[in-house]
């Protein structure tokens, strides 16, 4: 995914963003400058590593483990 827009100062919540398509979408948004809230399941240490990677891309990244199916 290539976003031809500047999303600096915007925020995005991407569900299912700890793997697969959701992860790819979150990375594209972060590269475009959006602050990211990642969400999904996985090992805490792997999620923290992902969060730090996003923080390096966009400046602000947080994780929320909410189960969106409930």
N, C-alpha and C. Protein backbone atom coordinates (compact mmCIF):
# COMPACT_ATOMS: atom_id res chain seq x y z
N UNK A 1 0.85 -1.18 0.00
CA UNK A 1 0.00 0.00 0.00
C UNK A 1 0.89 1.23 0.00
N UNK A 2 0.62 2.14 -0.90
CA UNK A 2 1.38 3.37 -0.99
C UNK A 2 0.41 4.54 -0.87
N UNK A 3 0.56 5.28 0.19
CA UNK A 3 -0.32 6.44 0.40
C UNK A 3 0.39 7.68 -0.10
N UNK A 4 -0.21 8.37 -1.02
CA UNK A 4 0.37 9.60 -1.55
C UNK A 4 -0.21 10.80 -0.83
N UNK A 5 -0.14 10.77 0.47
CA UNK A 5 -0.68 11.85 1.26
C UNK A 5 0.14 12.01 2.54
N UNK A 6 0.08 13.18 3.11
CA UNK A 6 0.78 13.46 4.36
C UNK A 6 -0.22 13.35 5.50
N UNK A 7 -0.01 12.40 6.39
CA UNK A 7 -0.93 12.20 7.51
C UNK A 7 -0.36 12.69 8.83
N UNK A 8 0.67 13.53 8.78
CA UNK A 8 1.25 14.05 10.01
C UNK A 8 0.20 14.77 10.84
N UNK A 9 0.18 14.45 12.13
CA UNK A 9 -0.78 15.06 13.04
C UNK A 9 -2.11 14.33 13.10
N UNK A 10 -2.29 13.34 12.27
CA UNK A 10 -3.51 12.53 12.28
C UNK A 10 -3.25 11.27 13.08
N UNK A 11 -4.31 10.60 13.49
CA UNK A 11 -4.18 9.36 14.25
C UNK A 11 -5.02 8.27 13.59
N UNK A 12 -4.53 7.03 13.69
CA UNK A 12 -5.25 5.90 13.10
C UNK A 12 -5.29 4.75 14.09
N UNK A 13 -6.46 4.15 14.23
CA UNK A 13 -6.62 2.92 14.99
C UNK A 13 -6.80 1.82 13.96
N UNK A 14 -5.91 0.83 14.00
CA UNK A 14 -5.97 -0.25 13.02
C UNK A 14 -6.17 -1.56 13.77
N UNK A 15 -7.36 -2.14 13.64
CA UNK A 15 -7.63 -3.40 14.31
C UNK A 15 -6.95 -4.53 13.55
N UNK A 16 -6.57 -5.55 14.29
CA UNK A 16 -5.89 -6.69 13.67
C UNK A 16 -4.54 -6.32 13.11
N UNK A 17 -3.87 -5.35 13.73
CA UNK A 17 -2.64 -4.81 13.16
C UNK A 17 -1.36 -5.42 13.71
N UNK A 18 -1.47 -6.55 14.39
CA UNK A 18 -0.25 -7.21 14.86
C UNK A 18 0.24 -8.25 13.87
N UNK A 19 -0.50 -8.45 12.77
CA UNK A 19 -0.06 -9.39 11.74
C UNK A 19 -0.86 -9.18 10.46
N UNK A 20 -0.41 -9.79 9.39
CA UNK A 20 -1.15 -9.84 8.14
C UNK A 20 -1.48 -8.51 7.51
N UNK A 21 -2.67 -8.45 6.92
CA UNK A 21 -3.11 -7.26 6.20
C UNK A 21 -3.18 -6.05 7.12
N UNK A 22 -3.70 -6.24 8.34
CA UNK A 22 -3.78 -5.13 9.28
C UNK A 22 -2.43 -4.53 9.59
N UNK A 23 -1.42 -5.37 9.73
CA UNK A 23 -0.06 -4.89 9.98
C UNK A 23 0.43 -4.08 8.78
N UNK A 24 0.17 -4.56 7.58
CA UNK A 24 0.59 -3.84 6.38
C UNK A 24 -0.07 -2.48 6.27
N UNK A 25 -1.36 -2.42 6.58
CA UNK A 25 -2.08 -1.15 6.54
C UNK A 25 -1.53 -0.19 7.58
N UNK A 26 -1.30 -0.68 8.79
CA UNK A 26 -0.76 0.17 9.86
C UNK A 26 0.61 0.72 9.48
N UNK A 27 1.45 -0.10 8.86
CA UNK A 27 2.78 0.36 8.44
C UNK A 27 2.67 1.45 7.39
N UNK A 28 1.77 1.28 6.44
CA UNK A 28 1.59 2.30 5.40
C UNK A 28 1.12 3.62 6.01
N UNK A 29 0.19 3.56 6.94
CA UNK A 29 -0.29 4.76 7.60
C UNK A 29 0.82 5.43 8.41
N UNK A 30 1.60 4.64 9.12
CA UNK A 30 2.71 5.18 9.92
C UNK A 30 3.76 5.84 9.02
N UNK A 31 4.07 5.20 7.90
CA UNK A 31 5.06 5.77 6.97
C UNK A 31 4.57 7.09 6.38
N UNK A 32 3.24 7.23 6.29
CA UNK A 32 2.66 8.49 5.80
C UNK A 32 2.58 9.54 6.91
N UNK A 33 2.99 9.17 8.14
CA UNK A 33 3.08 10.13 9.23
C UNK A 33 2.03 10.04 10.31
N UNK A 34 1.06 9.15 10.17
CA UNK A 34 -0.01 9.06 11.17
C UNK A 34 0.49 8.42 12.46
N UNK A 35 0.00 8.91 13.59
CA UNK A 35 0.21 8.23 14.86
C UNK A 35 -0.65 6.97 14.81
N UNK A 36 -0.17 5.89 15.41
CA UNK A 36 -0.84 4.61 15.27
C UNK A 36 -1.23 4.00 16.61
N UNK A 37 -2.45 3.46 16.67
CA UNK A 37 -2.83 2.57 17.76
C UNK A 37 -2.95 1.19 17.15
N UNK A 38 -2.06 0.29 17.57
CA UNK A 38 -2.14 -1.08 17.07
C UNK A 38 -3.03 -1.89 18.01
N UNK A 39 -3.61 -2.93 17.43
CA UNK A 39 -4.55 -3.76 18.17
C UNK A 39 -4.48 -5.17 17.61
N UNK A 40 -4.48 -6.14 18.48
CA UNK A 40 -4.48 -7.53 18.04
C UNK A 40 -3.96 -8.43 19.13
N UNK A 41 -3.70 -9.66 18.75
CA UNK A 41 -3.24 -10.66 19.72
C UNK A 41 -1.82 -11.07 19.41
N UNK A 42 -1.13 -11.57 20.42
CA UNK A 42 0.23 -12.06 20.23
C UNK A 42 0.98 -12.05 21.54
N UNK A 43 2.23 -12.44 21.46
CA UNK A 43 3.10 -12.45 22.63
C UNK A 43 3.44 -11.02 23.02
N UNK A 44 3.37 -10.69 24.31
CA UNK A 44 3.62 -9.32 24.75
C UNK A 44 4.96 -8.75 24.26
N UNK A 45 6.01 -9.56 24.29
CA UNK A 45 7.32 -9.04 23.86
C UNK A 45 7.36 -8.76 22.36
N UNK A 46 6.63 -9.53 21.57
CA UNK A 46 6.59 -9.28 20.12
C UNK A 46 5.75 -8.03 19.81
N UNK A 47 4.68 -7.86 20.56
CA UNK A 47 3.84 -6.67 20.37
C UNK A 47 4.60 -5.42 20.77
N UNK A 48 5.36 -5.48 21.85
CA UNK A 48 6.14 -4.32 22.27
C UNK A 48 7.20 -3.98 21.23
N UNK A 49 7.82 -4.99 20.64
CA UNK A 49 8.80 -4.74 19.57
C UNK A 49 8.13 -4.06 18.37
N UNK A 50 6.94 -4.53 18.02
CA UNK A 50 6.18 -3.89 16.93
C UNK A 50 5.85 -2.45 17.26
N UNK A 51 5.40 -2.22 18.49
CA UNK A 51 5.04 -0.86 18.91
C UNK A 51 6.24 0.07 18.79
N UNK A 52 7.41 -0.41 19.21
CA UNK A 52 8.62 0.41 19.11
C UNK A 52 8.99 0.68 17.66
N UNK A 53 8.81 -0.31 16.79
CA UNK A 53 9.06 -0.10 15.36
C UNK A 53 8.15 0.99 14.82
N UNK A 54 6.87 0.94 15.20
CA UNK A 54 5.93 1.97 14.75
C UNK A 54 6.33 3.34 15.30
N UNK A 55 6.73 3.37 16.53
CA UNK A 55 7.14 4.63 17.15
C UNK A 55 8.31 5.25 16.39
N UNK A 56 9.23 4.42 15.93
CA UNK A 56 10.36 4.91 15.14
C UNK A 56 9.90 5.46 13.79
N UNK A 57 8.83 4.91 13.25
CA UNK A 57 8.31 5.36 11.96
C UNK A 57 7.53 6.66 12.07
N UNK A 58 6.69 6.75 13.11
CA UNK A 58 5.72 7.85 13.12
C UNK A 58 5.77 8.74 14.36
N UNK A 59 6.59 8.41 15.34
CA UNK A 59 6.72 9.25 16.51
C UNK A 59 5.85 8.87 17.70
N UNK A 60 4.65 8.40 17.46
CA UNK A 60 3.78 8.00 18.56
C UNK A 60 3.02 6.75 18.17
N UNK A 61 3.17 5.72 19.00
CA UNK A 61 2.46 4.46 18.75
C UNK A 61 2.09 3.84 20.08
N UNK A 62 0.86 3.39 20.18
CA UNK A 62 0.39 2.74 21.39
C UNK A 62 -0.29 1.43 21.01
N UNK A 63 -0.46 0.57 22.00
CA UNK A 63 -1.10 -0.72 21.79
C UNK A 63 -2.30 -0.84 22.72
N UNK A 64 -3.39 -1.39 22.20
CA UNK A 64 -4.55 -1.70 23.01
C UNK A 64 -5.00 -3.10 22.64
N UNK A 65 -5.21 -3.94 23.64
CA UNK A 65 -5.51 -5.35 23.40
C UNK A 65 -7.01 -5.63 23.31
N UNK A 66 -7.83 -4.61 23.17
CA UNK A 66 -9.28 -4.81 23.15
C UNK A 66 -9.69 -5.87 22.13
N UNK A 67 -10.60 -6.75 22.54
CA UNK A 67 -11.13 -7.77 21.65
C UNK A 67 -12.33 -7.17 20.94
N UNK A 68 -12.15 -6.85 19.68
CA UNK A 68 -13.19 -6.15 18.91
C UNK A 68 -14.38 -7.04 18.57
N UNK A 69 -14.28 -8.34 18.87
CA UNK A 69 -15.42 -9.23 18.59
C UNK A 69 -16.46 -9.17 19.70
N UNK A 70 -16.14 -8.50 20.79
CA UNK A 70 -17.07 -8.43 21.92
C UNK A 70 -17.71 -7.07 22.06
